[in-house]
N, C-alpha and C. Protein backbone atom coordinates (compact mmCIF):
# COMPACT_ATOMS: atom_id res chain seq x y z
N UNK A 1 41.26 150.20 122.85
CA UNK A 1 41.32 148.76 122.70
C UNK A 1 39.95 148.20 123.06
N UNK A 2 39.41 147.31 122.22
CA UNK A 2 38.10 146.71 122.46
C UNK A 2 38.17 145.56 123.44
N UNK A 3 37.02 145.27 123.99
CA UNK A 3 36.93 144.18 124.96
C UNK A 3 36.75 142.86 124.20
N UNK A 4 37.64 141.90 124.42
CA UNK A 4 37.56 140.59 123.77
C UNK A 4 36.82 139.64 124.69
N UNK A 5 35.61 139.25 124.30
CA UNK A 5 34.81 138.37 125.15
C UNK A 5 34.92 136.92 124.74
N UNK A 6 35.72 136.60 123.74
CA UNK A 6 35.84 135.22 123.26
C UNK A 6 37.23 134.65 123.53
N UNK A 7 37.64 134.69 124.78
CA UNK A 7 38.96 134.20 125.13
C UNK A 7 39.00 132.68 125.18
N UNK A 8 37.85 132.04 125.44
CA UNK A 8 37.74 130.59 125.43
C UNK A 8 36.80 130.19 124.30
N UNK A 9 37.12 129.11 123.63
CA UNK A 9 36.23 128.62 122.58
C UNK A 9 34.94 128.09 123.20
N UNK A 10 33.89 128.08 122.42
CA UNK A 10 32.60 127.54 122.90
C UNK A 10 32.76 126.08 123.30
N UNK A 11 33.54 125.34 122.53
CA UNK A 11 33.74 123.92 122.83
C UNK A 11 34.39 123.75 124.20
N UNK A 12 35.42 124.53 124.49
CA UNK A 12 36.10 124.45 125.78
C UNK A 12 35.16 124.85 126.90
N UNK A 13 34.40 125.93 126.70
CA UNK A 13 33.45 126.36 127.73
C UNK A 13 32.42 125.27 128.01
N UNK A 14 31.92 124.64 126.95
CA UNK A 14 30.92 123.58 127.14
C UNK A 14 31.53 122.37 127.85
N UNK A 15 32.75 122.01 127.50
CA UNK A 15 33.42 120.88 128.16
C UNK A 15 33.61 121.15 129.65
N UNK A 16 34.02 122.37 129.99
CA UNK A 16 34.23 122.71 131.39
C UNK A 16 32.88 122.76 132.11
N UNK A 17 31.86 123.29 131.47
CA UNK A 17 30.52 123.33 132.07
C UNK A 17 30.02 121.92 132.38
N UNK A 18 30.29 120.99 131.47
CA UNK A 18 29.91 119.60 131.72
C UNK A 18 30.68 119.05 132.92
N UNK A 19 31.98 119.34 132.97
CA UNK A 19 32.83 118.87 134.07
C UNK A 19 32.35 119.41 135.42
N UNK A 20 31.86 120.65 135.43
CA UNK A 20 31.40 121.27 136.67
C UNK A 20 29.92 121.00 136.95
N UNK A 21 29.26 120.32 136.02
CA UNK A 21 27.86 119.95 136.23
C UNK A 21 26.86 121.06 136.00
N UNK A 22 27.21 122.06 135.20
CA UNK A 22 26.28 123.16 134.93
C UNK A 22 25.86 123.24 133.46
N UNK A 23 26.18 122.22 132.70
CA UNK A 23 25.88 122.26 131.26
C UNK A 23 24.38 122.37 131.00
N UNK A 24 23.56 121.73 131.83
CA UNK A 24 22.10 121.82 131.65
C UNK A 24 21.62 123.26 131.80
N UNK A 25 22.24 124.02 132.69
CA UNK A 25 21.88 125.42 132.85
C UNK A 25 22.20 126.22 131.60
N UNK A 26 23.32 125.90 130.96
CA UNK A 26 23.74 126.60 129.75
C UNK A 26 22.77 126.33 128.61
N UNK A 27 22.24 125.13 128.54
CA UNK A 27 21.35 124.75 127.44
C UNK A 27 19.93 125.29 127.60
N UNK A 28 19.58 125.79 128.79
CA UNK A 28 18.25 126.38 128.99
C UNK A 28 18.19 127.73 128.29
N UNK A 29 16.96 128.22 128.02
CA UNK A 29 16.84 129.57 127.45
C UNK A 29 17.56 130.57 128.35
N UNK A 30 18.33 131.43 127.76
CA UNK A 30 19.16 132.37 128.51
C UNK A 30 20.62 132.02 128.46
N UNK A 31 20.91 130.75 128.15
CA UNK A 31 22.29 130.30 127.95
C UNK A 31 23.22 130.59 129.11
N UNK A 32 24.34 131.23 128.81
CA UNK A 32 25.38 131.48 129.80
C UNK A 32 24.93 132.42 130.90
N UNK A 33 23.88 133.21 130.67
CA UNK A 33 23.41 134.11 131.73
C UNK A 33 22.79 133.34 132.89
N UNK A 34 22.51 132.05 132.70
CA UNK A 34 21.98 131.20 133.77
C UNK A 34 23.07 130.74 134.73
N UNK A 35 24.32 130.90 134.35
CA UNK A 35 25.45 130.40 135.14
C UNK A 35 25.91 131.50 136.08
N UNK A 36 26.05 131.17 137.37
CA UNK A 36 26.44 132.17 138.37
C UNK A 36 27.88 132.66 138.13
N UNK A 37 28.14 133.85 138.66
CA UNK A 37 29.49 134.39 138.52
C UNK A 37 30.51 133.54 139.28
N UNK A 38 30.09 132.93 140.38
CA UNK A 38 30.98 132.04 141.13
C UNK A 38 31.38 130.85 140.26
N UNK A 39 30.40 130.28 139.56
CA UNK A 39 30.69 129.14 138.68
C UNK A 39 31.55 129.58 137.50
N UNK A 40 31.31 130.77 136.98
CA UNK A 40 32.15 131.29 135.90
C UNK A 40 33.60 131.41 136.37
N UNK A 41 33.79 131.84 137.61
CA UNK A 41 35.13 131.91 138.18
C UNK A 41 35.79 130.55 138.25
N UNK A 42 34.99 129.54 138.62
CA UNK A 42 35.51 128.16 138.65
C UNK A 42 35.88 127.70 137.25
N UNK A 43 35.10 128.14 136.26
CA UNK A 43 35.40 127.77 134.88
C UNK A 43 36.73 128.36 134.44
N UNK A 44 36.97 129.62 134.80
CA UNK A 44 38.24 130.27 134.45
C UNK A 44 39.40 129.54 135.13
N UNK A 45 39.23 129.21 136.40
CA UNK A 45 40.26 128.47 137.13
C UNK A 45 40.55 127.14 136.45
N UNK A 46 39.51 126.43 136.05
CA UNK A 46 39.68 125.14 135.37
C UNK A 46 40.39 125.34 134.04
N UNK A 47 40.03 126.38 133.29
CA UNK A 47 40.68 126.65 132.00
C UNK A 47 42.17 126.92 132.19
N UNK A 48 42.51 127.65 133.24
CA UNK A 48 43.92 127.94 133.52
C UNK A 48 44.66 126.66 133.88
N UNK A 49 44.02 125.79 134.67
CA UNK A 49 44.65 124.51 135.02
C UNK A 49 44.88 123.66 133.77
N UNK A 50 43.92 123.64 132.85
CA UNK A 50 44.07 122.89 131.60
C UNK A 50 45.23 123.45 130.79
N UNK A 51 45.31 124.79 130.71
CA UNK A 51 46.40 125.42 129.95
C UNK A 51 47.75 125.10 130.57
N UNK A 52 47.82 125.14 131.90
CA UNK A 52 49.08 124.82 132.58
C UNK A 52 49.50 123.38 132.33
N UNK A 53 48.53 122.46 132.34
CA UNK A 53 48.86 121.05 132.08
C UNK A 53 49.40 120.88 130.66
N UNK A 54 48.83 121.59 129.70
CA UNK A 54 49.29 121.45 128.32
C UNK A 54 50.68 122.03 128.13
N UNK A 55 51.02 123.08 128.88
CA UNK A 55 52.35 123.68 128.80
C UNK A 55 53.39 122.76 129.42
N UNK A 56 53.00 122.07 130.49
CA UNK A 56 53.93 121.17 131.18
C UNK A 56 54.30 119.96 130.34
N UNK A 57 53.48 119.61 129.39
CA UNK A 57 53.77 118.44 128.54
C UNK A 57 54.83 118.74 127.59
């Protein structure tokens, strides 16, 4: 089984990056590699919270 690295859409990742205040880092040369693993973890947590809210509706 291959590794799926596109579990979140680019649009969702960018929206969450803006919400967490790291969007400027993403737009610099190097893109997502500029974002710390701690911040990436926060992004995953935020994505899960968004998914849970949509399910509750």
